[in-house]
């Protein structure tokens, strides 16, 4: 299982190589985080991440958007429910609705956090 990042420091080239399922000689060599939105966003920290590869291949994304819940928000059950709904939407509903949405690459929720009340 790929460890879920807790902070922006966990968004390493190795982590992106893993979630993008890159193999062989191609891997992410650098990660450049640019904050999006307000620093005090209720839903968490959102970043545009620009990726550099050892071998650029056409289908490798040049940038992705990452949303990380803040540690204090992980204990808020309302936000945890919102995260579950968002993950479910991108995994199961978005591919079926015929409306353009960002391409889903990876999402996960820590089950230990999901059981908090």
PDB file of N, CA and C in Angstrom:
ATOM      1  N   UNK A   1       0.841  -1.190   0.000  1.00  0.00           N
ATOM      2  CA  UNK A   1       0.000   0.000   0.000  1.00  0.00           C
ATOM      3  C   UNK A   1       0.882   1.248   0.000  1.00  0.00           C
ATOM      4  N   UNK A   2       0.504   2.231  -0.784  1.00  0.00           N
ATOM      5  CA  UNK A   2       1.221   3.490  -0.848  1.00  0.00           C
ATOM      6  C   UNK A   2       0.846   4.312   0.390  1.00  0.00           C
ATOM      7  N   UNK A   3       1.834   4.763   1.173  1.00  0.00           N
ATOM      8  CA  UNK A   3       1.493   5.586   2.335  1.00  0.00           C
ATOM      9  C   UNK A   3       0.815   6.889   1.900  1.00  0.00           C
ATOM     10  N   UNK A   4      -0.215   7.286   2.621  1.00  0.00           N
ATOM     11  CA  UNK A   4      -0.925   8.524   2.339  1.00  0.00           C
ATOM     12  C   UNK A   4      -0.110   9.685   2.904  1.00  0.00           C
ATOM     13  N   UNK A   5       0.176  10.699   2.101  1.00  0.00           N
ATOM     14  CA  UNK A   5       0.940  11.843   2.611  1.00  0.00           C
ATOM     15  C   UNK A   5       0.190  12.560   3.733  1.00  0.00           C
ATOM     16  N   UNK A   6       0.918  12.930   4.759  1.00  0.00           N
ATOM     17  CA  UNK A   6       0.336  13.689   5.866  1.00  0.00           C
ATOM     18  C   UNK A   6       0.565  15.177   5.694  1.00  0.00           C
ATOM     19  N   UNK A   7       1.697  15.525   5.105  1.00  0.00           N
ATOM     20  CA  UNK A   7       2.046  16.930   4.901  1.00  0.00           C
ATOM     21  C   UNK A   7       2.654  17.086   3.510  1.00  0.00           C
ATOM     22  N   UNK A   8       2.866  18.313   3.114  1.00  0.00           N
ATOM     23  CA  UNK A   8       3.464  18.576   1.799  1.00  0.00           C
ATOM     24  C   UNK A   8       4.875  18.006   1.705  1.00  0.00           C
ATOM     25  N   UNK A   9       5.559  17.833   2.822  1.00  0.00           N
ATOM     26  CA  UNK A   9       6.907  17.254   2.801  1.00  0.00           C
ATOM     27  C   UNK A   9       6.888  15.797   2.351  1.00  0.00           C
ATOM     28  N   UNK A  10       5.741  15.148   2.461  1.00  0.00           N
ATOM     29  CA  UNK A  10       5.604  13.753   2.025  1.00  0.00           C
ATOM     30  C   UNK A  10       5.371  13.622   0.522  1.00  0.00           C
ATOM     31  N   UNK A  11       5.182  14.738  -0.170  1.00  0.00           N
ATOM     32  CA  UNK A  11       4.942  14.720  -1.615  1.00  0.00           C
ATOM     33  C   UNK A  11       6.283  14.704  -2.342  1.00  0.00           C
ATOM     34  N   UNK A  12       6.932  13.584  -2.289  1.00  0.00           N
ATOM     35  CA  UNK A  12       8.283  13.425  -2.817  1.00  0.00           C
ATOM     36  C   UNK A  12       8.258  12.883  -4.246  1.00  0.00           C
ATOM     37  N   UNK A  13       9.377  12.995  -4.955  1.00  0.00           N
ATOM     38  CA  UNK A  13       9.453  12.364  -6.279  1.00  0.00           C
ATOM     39  C   UNK A  13       9.157  10.861  -6.218  1.00  0.00           C
ATOM     40  N   UNK A  14       9.609  10.196  -5.166  1.00  0.00           N
ATOM     41  CA  UNK A  14       9.361   8.755  -5.035  1.00  0.00           C
ATOM     42  C   UNK A  14       7.868   8.471  -4.876  1.00  0.00           C
ATOM     43  N   UNK A  15       7.167   9.302  -4.107  1.00  0.00           N
ATOM     44  CA  UNK A  15       5.732   9.095  -3.916  1.00  0.00           C
ATOM     45  C   UNK A  15       4.994   9.274  -5.243  1.00  0.00           C
ATOM     46  N   UNK A  16       5.323  10.326  -5.985  1.00  0.00           N
ATOM     47  CA  UNK A  16       4.665  10.543  -7.277  1.00  0.00           C
ATOM     48  C   UNK A  16       4.998   9.431  -8.270  1.00  0.00           C
ATOM     49  N   UNK A  17       6.227   8.963  -8.289  1.00  0.00           N
ATOM     50  CA  UNK A  17       6.592   7.842  -9.157  1.00  0.00           C
ATOM     51  C   UNK A  17       5.708   6.641  -8.843  1.00  0.00           C
ATOM     52  N   UNK A  18       5.463   6.410  -7.566  1.00  0.00           N
ATOM     53  CA  UNK A  18       4.641   5.276  -7.146  1.00  0.00           C
ATOM     54  C   UNK A  18       3.182   5.423  -7.565  1.00  0.00           C
ATOM     55  N   UNK A  19       2.560   6.582  -7.284  1.00  0.00           N
ATOM     56  CA  UNK A  19       1.126   6.721  -7.603  1.00  0.00           C
ATOM     57  C   UNK A  19       0.872   6.821  -9.096  1.00  0.00           C
ATOM     58  N   UNK A  20       1.864   7.302  -9.851  1.00  0.00           N
ATOM     59  CA  UNK A  20       1.709   7.381 -11.300  1.00  0.00           C
ATOM     60  C   UNK A  20       2.042   6.052 -11.977  1.00  0.00           C
ATOM     61  N   UNK A  21       2.440   5.087 -11.147  1.00  0.00           N
ATOM     62  CA  UNK A  21       2.751   3.730 -11.624  1.00  0.00           C
ATOM     63  C   UNK A  21       3.826   3.746 -12.718  1.00  0.00           C
ATOM     64  N   UNK A  22       4.838   4.576 -12.504  1.00  0.00           N
ATOM     65  CA  UNK A  22       5.949   4.643 -13.453  1.00  0.00           C
ATOM     66  C   UNK A  22       6.902   3.493 -13.171  1.00  0.00           C
ATOM     67  N   UNK A  23       7.411   2.893 -14.225  1.00  0.00           N
ATOM     68  CA  UNK A  23       8.295   1.743 -14.081  1.00  0.00           C
ATOM     69  C   UNK A  23       9.497   1.897 -14.990  1.00  0.00           C
ATOM     70  N   UNK A  24      10.462   1.047 -14.757  1.00  0.00           N
ATOM     71  CA  UNK A  24      11.640   1.038 -15.614  1.00  0.00           C
ATOM     72  C   UNK A  24      12.492   2.272 -15.426  1.00  0.00           C
ATOM     73  N   UNK A  25      12.929   2.828 -16.541  1.00  0.00           N
ATOM     74  CA  UNK A  25      13.867   3.952 -16.469  1.00  0.00           C
ATOM     75  C   UNK A  25      13.183   5.297 -16.249  1.00  0.00           C
ATOM     76  N   UNK A  26      11.855   5.338 -16.330  1.00  0.00           N
ATOM     77  CA  UNK A  26      11.157   6.613 -16.148  1.00  0.00           C
ATOM     78  C   UNK A  26      10.706   6.773 -14.701  1.00  0.00           C
ATOM     79  N   UNK A  27      10.993   7.922 -14.129  1.00  0.00           N
ATOM     80  CA  UNK A  27      10.547   8.238 -12.775  1.00  0.00           C
ATOM     81  C   UNK A  27      10.506   9.759 -12.595  1.00  0.00           C
ATOM     82  N   UNK A  28       9.792  10.186 -11.558  1.00  0.00           N
ATOM     83  CA  UNK A  28       9.721  11.615 -11.238  1.00  0.00           C
ATOM     84  C   UNK A  28      11.039  11.994 -10.575  1.00  0.00           C
ATOM     85  N   UNK A  29      11.658  13.060 -11.073  1.00  0.00           N
ATOM     86  CA  UNK A  29      12.943  13.497 -10.519  1.00  0.00           C
ATOM     87  C   UNK A  29      12.828  14.726  -9.632  1.00  0.00           C
ATOM     88  N   UNK A  30      11.781  15.545  -9.858  1.00  0.00           N
ATOM     89  CA  UNK A  30      11.605  16.712  -8.992  1.00  0.00           C
ATOM     90  C   UNK A  30      10.139  17.102  -8.910  1.00  0.00           C
ATOM     91  N   UNK A  31       9.809  17.750  -7.794  1.00  0.00           N
ATOM     92  CA  UNK A  31       8.446  18.159  -7.470  1.00  0.00           C
ATOM     93  C   UNK A  31       8.496  19.628  -7.061  1.00  0.00           C
ATOM     94  N   UNK A  32       7.661  20.458  -7.692  1.00  0.00           N
ATOM     95  CA  UNK A  32       7.604  21.879  -7.359  1.00  0.00           C
ATOM     96  C   UNK A  32       6.177  22.197  -6.921  1.00  0.00           C
ATOM     97  N   UNK A  33       5.990  22.504  -5.639  1.00  0.00           N
ATOM     98  CA  UNK A  33       4.658  22.789  -5.083  1.00  0.00           C
ATOM     99  C   UNK A  33       4.355  24.273  -5.156  1.00  0.00           C
ATOM    100  N   UNK A  34       3.145  24.583  -5.632  1.00  0.00           N
ATOM    101  CA  UNK A  34       2.660  25.960  -5.649  1.00  0.00           C
ATOM    102  C   UNK A  34       1.305  25.968  -4.945  1.00  0.00           C
ATOM    103  N   UNK A  35       1.189  26.660  -3.806  1.00  0.00           N
ATOM    104  CA  UNK A  35      -0.099  26.691  -3.104  1.00  0.00           C
ATOM    105  C   UNK A  35      -1.193  27.296  -3.979  1.00  0.00           C
ATOM    106  N   UNK A  36      -2.369  26.710  -3.916  1.00  0.00           N
ATOM    107  CA  UNK A  36      -3.557  27.248  -4.598  1.00  0.00           C
ATOM    108  C   UNK A  36      -4.560  27.653  -3.528  1.00  0.00           C
ATOM    109  N   UNK A  37      -5.255  28.738  -3.753  1.00  0.00           N
ATOM    110  CA  UNK A  37      -6.288  29.153  -2.809  1.00  0.00           C
ATOM    111  C   UNK A  37      -5.714  29.820  -1.579  1.00  0.00           C
ATOM    112  N   UNK A  38      -6.568  29.934  -0.611  1.00  0.00           N
ATOM    113  CA  UNK A  38      -6.226  30.612   0.638  1.00  0.00           C
ATOM    114  C   UNK A  38      -5.445  29.705   1.569  1.00  0.00           C
ATOM    115  N   UNK A  39      -4.537  30.285   2.306  1.00  0.00           N
ATOM    116  CA  UNK A  39      -3.751  29.518   3.271  1.00  0.00           C
ATOM    117  C   UNK A  39      -4.625  28.986   4.403  1.00  0.00           C
ATOM    118  N   UNK A  40      -5.759  29.640   4.651  1.00  0.00           N
ATOM    119  CA  UNK A  40      -6.628  29.206   5.744  1.00  0.00           C
ATOM    120  C   UNK A  40      -7.871  28.489   5.228  1.00  0.00           C
ATOM    121  N   UNK A  41      -7.752  27.797   4.100  1.00  0.00           N
ATOM    122  CA  UNK A  41      -8.870  27.046   3.528  1.00  0.00           C
ATOM    123  C   UNK A  41      -9.432  26.067   4.550  1.00  0.00           C
ATOM    124  N   UNK A  42     -10.746  25.965   4.612  1.00  0.00           N
ATOM    125  CA  UNK A  42     -11.397  25.067   5.550  1.00  0.00           C
ATOM    126  C   UNK A  42     -11.137  23.612   5.194  1.00  0.00           C
ATOM    127  N   UNK A  43     -11.112  23.298   3.897  1.00  0.00           N
ATOM    128  CA  UNK A  43     -11.046  21.899   3.490  1.00  0.00           C
ATOM    129  C   UNK A  43      -9.641  21.311   3.489  1.00  0.00           C
ATOM    130  N   UNK A  44      -8.619  22.101   3.607  1.00  0.00           N
ATOM    131  CA  UNK A  44      -7.262  21.566   3.627  1.00  0.00           C
ATOM    132  C   UNK A  44      -6.319  22.389   2.788  1.00  0.00           C
ATOM    133  N   UNK A  45      -5.152  21.823   2.530  1.00  0.00           N
ATOM    134  CA  UNK A  45      -4.130  22.493   1.741  1.00  0.00           C
ATOM    135  C   UNK A  45      -4.190  21.975   0.315  1.00  0.00           C
ATOM    136  N   UNK A  46      -4.241  22.891  -0.647  1.00  0.00           N
ATOM    137  CA  UNK A  46      -4.341  22.525  -2.054  1.00  0.00           C
ATOM    138  C   UNK A  46      -3.120  23.082  -2.779  1.00  0.00           C
ATOM    139  N   UNK A  47      -2.493  22.239  -3.586  1.00  0.00           N
ATOM    140  CA  UNK A  47      -1.289  22.617  -4.314  1.00  0.00           C
ATOM    141  C   UNK A  47      -1.401  22.215  -5.781  1.00  0.00           C
ATOM    142  N   UNK A  48      -0.839  23.036  -6.656  1.00  0.00           N
ATOM    143  CA  UNK A  48      -0.532  22.599  -8.013  1.00  0.00           C
ATOM    144  C   UNK A  48       0.899  22.101  -7.921  1.00  0.00           C
ATOM    145  N   UNK A  49       1.122  20.897  -8.418  1.00  0.00           N
ATOM    146  CA  UNK A  49       2.441  20.285  -8.344  1.00  0.00           C
ATOM    147  C   UNK A  49       2.974  20.111  -9.763  1.00  0.00           C
ATOM    148  N   UNK A  50       4.082  20.754 -10.046  1.00  0.00           N
ATOM    149  CA  UNK A  50       4.741  20.601 -11.337  1.00  0.00           C
ATOM    150  C   UNK A  50       5.775  19.485 -11.203  1.00  0.00           C
ATOM    151  N   UNK A  51       5.705  18.553 -12.138  1.00  0.00           N
ATOM    152  CA  UNK A  51       6.543  17.363 -12.075  1.00  0.00           C
ATOM    153  C   UNK A  51       7.578  17.355 -13.193  1.00  0.00           C
ATOM    154  N   UNK A  52       8.771  16.913 -12.859  1.00  0.00           N
ATOM    155  CA  UNK A  52       9.826  16.708 -13.839  1.00  0.00           C
ATOM    156  C   UNK A  52      10.169  15.220 -13.841  1.00  0.00           C
ATOM    157  N   UNK A  53      10.405  14.682 -15.030  1.00  0.00           N
ATOM    158  CA  UNK A  53      10.642  13.244 -15.188  1.00  0.00           C
ATOM    159  C   UNK A  53      12.046  12.976 -15.711  1.00  0.00           C
ATOM    160  N   UNK A  54      12.522  11.776 -15.430  1.00  0.00           N
ATOM    161  CA  UNK A  54      13.807  11.361 -15.999  1.00  0.00           C
ATOM    162  C   UNK A  54      13.682  11.195 -17.509  1.00  0.00           C
ATOM    163  N   UNK A  55      12.532  10.726 -17.991  1.00  0.00           N
ATOM    164  CA  UNK A  55      12.229  10.584 -19.417  1.00  0.00           C
ATOM    165  C   UNK A  55      10.795  11.040 -19.630  1.00  0.00           C
ATOM    166  N   UNK A  56      10.607  12.164 -20.266  1.00  0.00           N
ATOM    167  CA  UNK A  56       9.257  12.674 -20.498  1.00  0.00           C
ATOM    168  C   UNK A  56       8.555  11.828 -21.557  1.00  0.00           C
ATOM    169  N   UNK A  57       7.426  11.272 -21.161  1.00  0.00           N
ATOM    170  CA  UNK A  57       6.594  10.482 -22.062  1.00  0.00           C
ATOM    171  C   UNK A  57       5.278  11.229 -22.210  1.00  0.00           C
ATOM    172  N   UNK A  58       4.694  11.192 -23.376  1.00  0.00           N
ATOM    173  CA  UNK A  58       3.527  11.998 -23.717  1.00  0.00           C
ATOM    174  C   UNK A  58       2.411  11.953 -22.666  1.00  0.00           C
ATOM    175  N   UNK A  59       2.075  10.795 -22.146  1.00  0.00           N
ATOM    176  CA  UNK A  59       0.927  10.705 -21.240  1.00  0.00           C
ATOM    177  C   UNK A  59       1.257  11.059 -19.780  1.00  0.00           C
ATOM    178  N   UNK A  60       2.520  11.344 -19.463  1.00  0.00           N
ATOM    179  CA  UNK A  60       2.856  11.754 -18.097  1.00  0.00           C
ATOM    180  C   UNK A  60       2.363  13.174 -17.847  1.00  0.00           C
ATOM    181  N   UNK A  61       1.612  13.402 -16.776  1.00  0.00           N
ATOM    182  CA  UNK A  61       1.131  14.771 -16.520  1.00  0.00           C
ATOM    183  C   UNK A  61       2.274  15.708 -16.150  1.00  0.00           C
ATOM    184  N   UNK A  62       2.234  16.927 -16.699  1.00  0.00           N
ATOM    185  CA  UNK A  62       3.230  17.934 -16.345  1.00  0.00           C
ATOM    186  C   UNK A  62       2.932  18.542 -14.982  1.00  0.00           C
ATOM    187  N   UNK A  63       1.645  18.581 -14.655  1.00  0.00           N
ATOM    188  CA  UNK A  63       1.269  19.087 -13.340  1.00  0.00           C
ATOM    189  C   UNK A  63       0.010  18.369 -12.873  1.00  0.00           C
ATOM    190  N   UNK A  64      -0.157  18.336 -11.562  1.00  0.00           N
ATOM    191  CA  UNK A  64      -1.341  17.749 -10.933  1.00  0.00           C
ATOM    192  C   UNK A  64      -1.773  18.670  -9.798  1.00  0.00           C
ATOM    193  N   UNK A  65      -3.006  18.514  -9.358  1.00  0.00           N
ATOM    194  CA  UNK A  65      -3.498  19.257  -8.198  1.00  0.00           C
ATOM    195  C   UNK A  65      -3.666  18.263  -7.066  1.00  0.00           C
ATOM    196  N   UNK A  66      -3.145  18.624  -5.913  1.00  0.00           N
ATOM    197  CA  UNK A  66      -3.166  17.761  -4.726  1.00  0.00           C
ATOM    198  C   UNK A  66      -3.917  18.478  -3.612  1.00  0.00           C
ATOM    199  N   UNK A  67      -4.764  17.728  -2.919  1.00  0.00           N
ATOM    200  CA  UNK A  67      -5.454  18.273  -1.747  1.00  0.00           C
ATOM    201  C   UNK A  67      -5.099  17.399  -0.550  1.00  0.00           C
ATOM    202  N   UNK A  68      -4.567  18.031   0.484  1.00  0.00           N
ATOM    203  CA  UNK A  68      -4.227  17.331   1.721  1.00  0.00           C
ATOM    204  C   UNK A  68      -5.035  17.920   2.867  1.00  0.00           C
ATOM    205  N   UNK A  69      -5.706  17.081   3.655  1.00  0.00           N
ATOM    206  CA  UNK A  69      -6.400  17.637   4.824  1.00  0.00           C
ATOM    207  C   UNK A  69      -5.382  18.105   5.856  1.00  0.00           C
ATOM    208  N   UNK A  70      -5.709  19.162   6.526  1.00  0.00           N
ATOM    209  CA  UNK A  70      -4.850  19.606   7.626  1.00  0.00           C
ATOM    210  C   UNK A  70      -5.070  18.678   8.806  1.00  0.00           C
ATOM    211  N   UNK A  71      -4.038  18.501   9.608  1.00  0.00           N
ATOM    212  CA  UNK A  71      -4.131  17.588  10.748  1.00  0.00           C
ATOM    213  C   UNK A  71      -5.315  17.939  11.651  1.00  0.00           C
ATOM    214  N   UNK A  72      -5.534  19.214  11.909  1.00  0.00           N
ATOM    215  CA  UNK A  72      -6.646  19.576  12.788  1.00  0.00           C
ATOM    216  C   UNK A  72      -7.997  19.243  12.155  1.00  0.00           C
ATOM    217  N   UNK A  73      -8.059  19.253  10.799  1.00  0.00           N
ATOM    218  CA  UNK A  73      -9.305  18.939  10.119  1.00  0.00           C
ATOM    219  C   UNK A  73      -9.598  17.451  10.076  1.00  0.00           C
ATOM    220  N   UNK A  74      -8.569  16.613  10.217  1.00  0.00           N
ATOM    221  CA  UNK A  74      -8.785  15.183  10.136  1.00  0.00           C
ATOM    222  C   UNK A  74      -9.669  14.688  11.277  1.00  0.00           C
ATOM    223  N   UNK A  75      -9.778  15.445  12.325  1.00  0.00           N
ATOM    224  CA  UNK A  75     -10.608  15.037  13.451  1.00  0.00           C
ATOM    225  C   UNK A  75     -12.041  15.558  13.353  1.00  0.00           C
ATOM    226  N   UNK A  76     -12.316  16.330  12.337  1.00  0.00           N
ATOM    227  CA  UNK A  76     -13.652  16.886  12.172  1.00  0.00           C
ATOM    228  C   UNK A  76     -14.473  15.936  11.319  1.00  0.00           C
ATOM    229  N   UNK A  77     -15.470  15.329  11.924  1.00  0.00           N
ATOM    230  CA  UNK A  77     -16.233  14.300  11.216  1.00  0.00           C
ATOM    231  C   UNK A  77     -16.945  14.853   9.984  1.00  0.00           C
ATOM    232  N   UNK A  78     -17.424  16.081  10.032  1.00  0.00           N
ATOM    233  CA  UNK A  78     -18.093  16.660   8.873  1.00  0.00           C
ATOM    234  C   UNK A  78     -17.139  16.729   7.681  1.00  0.00           C
ATOM    235  N   UNK A  79     -15.905  17.181   7.920  1.00  0.00           N
ATOM    236  CA  UNK A  79     -14.932  17.251   6.833  1.00  0.00           C
ATOM    237  C   UNK A  79     -14.529  15.867   6.370  1.00  0.00           C
ATOM    238  N   UNK A  80     -14.436  14.921   7.294  1.00  0.00           N
ATOM    239  CA  UNK A  80     -14.100  13.560   6.899  1.00  0.00           C
ATOM    240  C   UNK A  80     -15.173  12.992   5.983  1.00  0.00           C
ATOM    241  N   UNK A  81     -16.433  13.280   6.280  1.00  0.00           N
ATOM    242  CA  UNK A  81     -17.515  12.847   5.395  1.00  0.00           C
ATOM    243  C   UNK A  81     -17.397  13.528   4.031  1.00  0.00           C
ATOM    244  N   UNK A  82     -17.029  14.796   4.016  1.00  0.00           N
ATOM    245  CA  UNK A  82     -16.863  15.513   2.746  1.00  0.00           C
ATOM    246  C   UNK A  82     -15.727  14.888   1.940  1.00  0.00           C
ATOM    247  N   UNK A  83     -14.640  14.509   2.597  1.00  0.00           N
ATOM    248  CA  UNK A  83     -13.529  13.861   1.896  1.00  0.00           C
ATOM    249  C   UNK A  83     -13.985  12.537   1.300  1.00  0.00           C
ATOM    250  N   UNK A  84     -14.749  11.756   2.071  1.00  0.00           N
ATOM    251  CA  UNK A  84     -15.245  10.467   1.560  1.00  0.00           C
ATOM    252  C   UNK A  84     -16.107  10.662   0.316  1.00  0.00           C
ATOM    253  N   UNK A  85     -16.989  11.657   0.349  1.00  0.00           N
ATOM    254  CA  UNK A  85     -17.868  11.932  -0.792  1.00  0.00           C
ATOM    255  C   UNK A  85     -17.038  12.350  -2.003  1.00  0.00           C
ATOM    256  N   UNK A  86     -16.048  13.201  -1.788  1.00  0.00           N
ATOM    257  CA  UNK A  86     -15.213  13.658  -2.896  1.00  0.00           C
ATOM    258  C   UNK A  86     -14.438  12.497  -3.515  1.00  0.00           C
ATOM    259  N   UNK A  87     -13.852  11.649  -2.701  1.00  0.00           N
ATOM    260  CA  UNK A  87     -13.121  10.487  -3.208  1.00  0.00           C
ATOM    261  C   UNK A  87     -14.067   9.578  -3.984  1.00  0.00           C
ATOM    262  N   UNK A  88     -15.244   9.332  -3.441  1.00  0.00           N
ATOM    263  CA  UNK A  88     -16.230   8.487  -4.118  1.00  0.00           C
ATOM    264  C   UNK A  88     -16.641   9.085  -5.459  1.00  0.00           C
ATOM    265  N   UNK A  89     -16.842  10.388  -5.495  1.00  0.00           N
ATOM    266  CA  UNK A  89     -17.218  11.049  -6.741  1.00  0.00           C
ATOM    267  C   UNK A  89     -16.164  10.807  -7.817  1.00  0.00           C
ATOM    268  N   UNK A  90     -14.903  11.094  -7.510  1.00  0.00           N
ATOM    269  CA  UNK A  90     -13.856  10.960  -8.528  1.00  0.00           C
ATOM    270  C   UNK A  90     -13.603   9.506  -8.912  1.00  0.00           C
ATOM    271  N   UNK A  91     -13.782   8.574  -7.981  1.00  0.00           N
ATOM    272  CA  UNK A  91     -13.549   7.162  -8.299  1.00  0.00           C
ATOM    273  C   UNK A  91     -14.689   6.530  -9.080  1.00  0.00           C
ATOM    274  N   UNK A  92     -15.928   6.858  -8.733  1.00  0.00           N
ATOM    275  CA  UNK A  92     -17.054   6.092  -9.293  1.00  0.00           C
ATOM    276  C   UNK A  92     -18.048   6.900 -10.115  1.00  0.00           C
ATOM    277  N   UNK A  93     -18.315   8.127  -9.752  1.00  0.00           N
ATOM    278  CA  UNK A  93     -19.373   8.890 -10.423  1.00  0.00           C
ATOM    279  C   UNK A  93     -18.838   9.681 -11.613  1.00  0.00           C
ATOM    280  N   UNK A  94     -17.717  10.364 -11.444  1.00  0.00           N
ATOM    281  CA  UNK A  94     -17.184  11.228 -12.505  1.00  0.00           C
ATOM    282  C   UNK A  94     -17.051  10.520 -13.852  1.00  0.00           C
ATOM    283  N   UNK A  95     -16.573   9.269 -13.889  1.00  0.00           N
ATOM    284  CA  UNK A  95     -16.436   8.617 -15.201  1.00  0.00           C
ATOM    285  C   UNK A  95     -17.767   8.336 -15.902  1.00  0.00           C
ATOM    286  N   UNK A  96     -18.882   8.438 -15.186  1.00  0.00           N
ATOM    287  CA  UNK A  96     -20.176   8.054 -15.764  1.00  0.00           C
ATOM    288  C   UNK A  96     -21.067   9.226 -16.144  1.00  0.00           C
ATOM    289  N   UNK A  97     -20.694  10.466 -15.810  1.00  0.00           N
ATOM    290  CA  UNK A  97     -21.653  11.562 -15.964  1.00  0.00           C
ATOM    291  C   UNK A  97     -21.547  12.334 -17.280  1.00  0.00           C
ATOM    292  N   UNK A  98     -20.504  12.105 -18.064  1.00  0.00           N
ATOM    293  CA  UNK A  98     -20.401  12.765 -19.354  1.00  0.00           C
ATOM    294  C   UNK A  98     -20.094  14.251 -19.280  1.00  0.00           C
ATOM    295  N   UNK A  99     -19.568  14.701 -18.169  1.00  0.00           N
ATOM    296  CA  UNK A  99     -19.172  16.099 -17.995  1.00  0.00           C
ATOM    297  C   UNK A  99     -17.670  16.104 -17.730  1.00  0.00           C
ATOM    298  N   UNK A 100     -16.965  17.076 -18.318  1.00  0.00           N
ATOM    299  CA  UNK A 100     -15.520  17.142 -18.101  1.00  0.00           C
ATOM    300  C   UNK A 100     -15.200  17.476 -16.656  1.00  0.00           C
ATOM    301  N   UNK A 101     -14.393  16.657 -16.061  1.00  0.00           N
ATOM    302  CA  UNK A 101     -13.874  16.891 -14.709  1.00  0.00           C
ATOM    303  C   UNK A 101     -12.380  16.568 -14.735  1.00  0.00           C
ATOM    304  N   UNK A 102     -11.634  17.049 -13.765  1.00  0.00           N
ATOM    305  CA  UNK A 102     -10.210  16.704 -13.743  1.00  0.00           C
ATOM    306  C   UNK A 102     -10.022  15.185 -13.725  1.00  0.00           C
ATOM    307  N   UNK A 103      -8.980  14.724 -14.413  1.00  0.00           N
ATOM    308  CA  UNK A 103      -8.682  13.294 -14.449  1.00  0.00           C
ATOM    309  C   UNK A 103      -8.270  12.827 -13.061  1.00  0.00           C
ATOM    310  N   UNK A 104      -8.880  11.764 -12.607  1.00  0.00           N
ATOM    311  CA  UNK A 104      -8.547  11.182 -11.309  1.00  0.00           C
ATOM    312  C   UNK A 104      -7.325  10.292 -11.460  1.00  0.00           C
ATOM    313  N   UNK A 105      -6.293  10.557 -10.668  1.00  0.00           N
ATOM    314  CA  UNK A 105      -5.089   9.736 -10.695  1.00  0.00           C
ATOM    315  C   UNK A 105      -4.992   8.898  -9.434  1.00  0.00           C
ATOM    316  N   UNK A 106      -5.241   9.511  -8.285  1.00  0.00           N
ATOM    317  CA  UNK A 106      -5.073   8.802  -7.018  1.00  0.00           C
ATOM    318  C   UNK A 106      -5.878   9.510  -5.942  1.00  0.00           C
ATOM    319  N   UNK A 107      -6.487   8.728  -5.085  1.00  0.00           N
ATOM    320  CA  UNK A 107      -7.120   9.275  -3.882  1.00  0.00           C
ATOM    321  C   UNK A 107      -7.178   8.163  -2.850  1.00  0.00           C
ATOM    322  N   UNK A 108      -7.157   8.556  -1.597  1.00  0.00           N
ATOM    323  CA  UNK A 108      -7.240   7.569  -0.529  1.00  0.00           C
ATOM    324  C   UNK A 108      -7.632   8.271   0.758  1.00  0.00           C
ATOM    325  N   UNK A 109      -8.165   7.490   1.667  1.00  0.00           N
ATOM    326  CA  UNK A 109      -8.520   7.981   3.002  1.00  0.00           C
ATOM    327  C   UNK A 109      -7.948   6.996   4.000  1.00  0.00           C
ATOM    328  N   UNK A 110      -7.311   7.492   5.018  1.00  0.00           N
ATOM    329  CA  UNK A 110      -6.759   6.645   6.056  1.00  0.00           C
ATOM    330  C   UNK A 110      -7.891   6.025   6.847  1.00  0.00           C
ATOM    331  N   UNK A 111      -8.051   4.691   6.836  1.00  0.00           N
ATOM    332  CA  UNK A 111      -9.168   4.074   7.549  1.00  0.00           C
ATOM    333  C   UNK A 111      -9.144   4.322   9.049  1.00  0.00           C
ATOM    334  N   UNK A 112      -7.960   4.579   9.606  1.00  0.00           N
ATOM    335  CA  UNK A 112      -7.898   4.884  11.044  1.00  0.00           C
ATOM    336  C   UNK A 112      -8.561   6.221  11.331  1.00  0.00           C
ATOM    337  N   UNK A 113      -8.446   7.168  10.400  1.00  0.00           N
ATOM    338  CA  UNK A 113      -9.101   8.471  10.558  1.00  0.00           C
ATOM    339  C   UNK A 113     -10.592   8.345  10.267  1.00  0.00           C
ATOM    340  N   UNK A 114     -10.948   7.472   9.342  1.00  0.00           N
ATOM    341  CA  UNK A 114     -12.337   7.338   8.910  1.00  0.00           C
ATOM    342  C   UNK A 114     -13.238   6.793  10.007  1.00  0.00           C
ATOM    343  N   UNK A 115     -12.675   6.172  11.027  1.00  0.00           N
ATOM    344  CA  UNK A 115     -13.498   5.610  12.098  1.00  0.00           C
ATOM    345  C   UNK A 115     -13.668   6.561  13.276  1.00  0.00           C
ATOM    346  N   UNK A 116     -13.071   7.732  13.196  1.00  0.00           N
ATOM    347  CA  UNK A 116     -13.228   8.682  14.305  1.00  0.00           C
ATOM    348  C   UNK A 116     -14.638   9.211  14.354  1.00  0.00           C
ATOM    349  N   UNK A 117     -15.108   9.493  15.548  1.00  0.00           N
ATOM    350  CA  UNK A 117     -16.446  10.085  15.674  1.00  0.00           C
ATOM    351  C   UNK A 117     -16.363  11.447  16.301  1.00  0.00           C
TER     352      UNK A 117
END
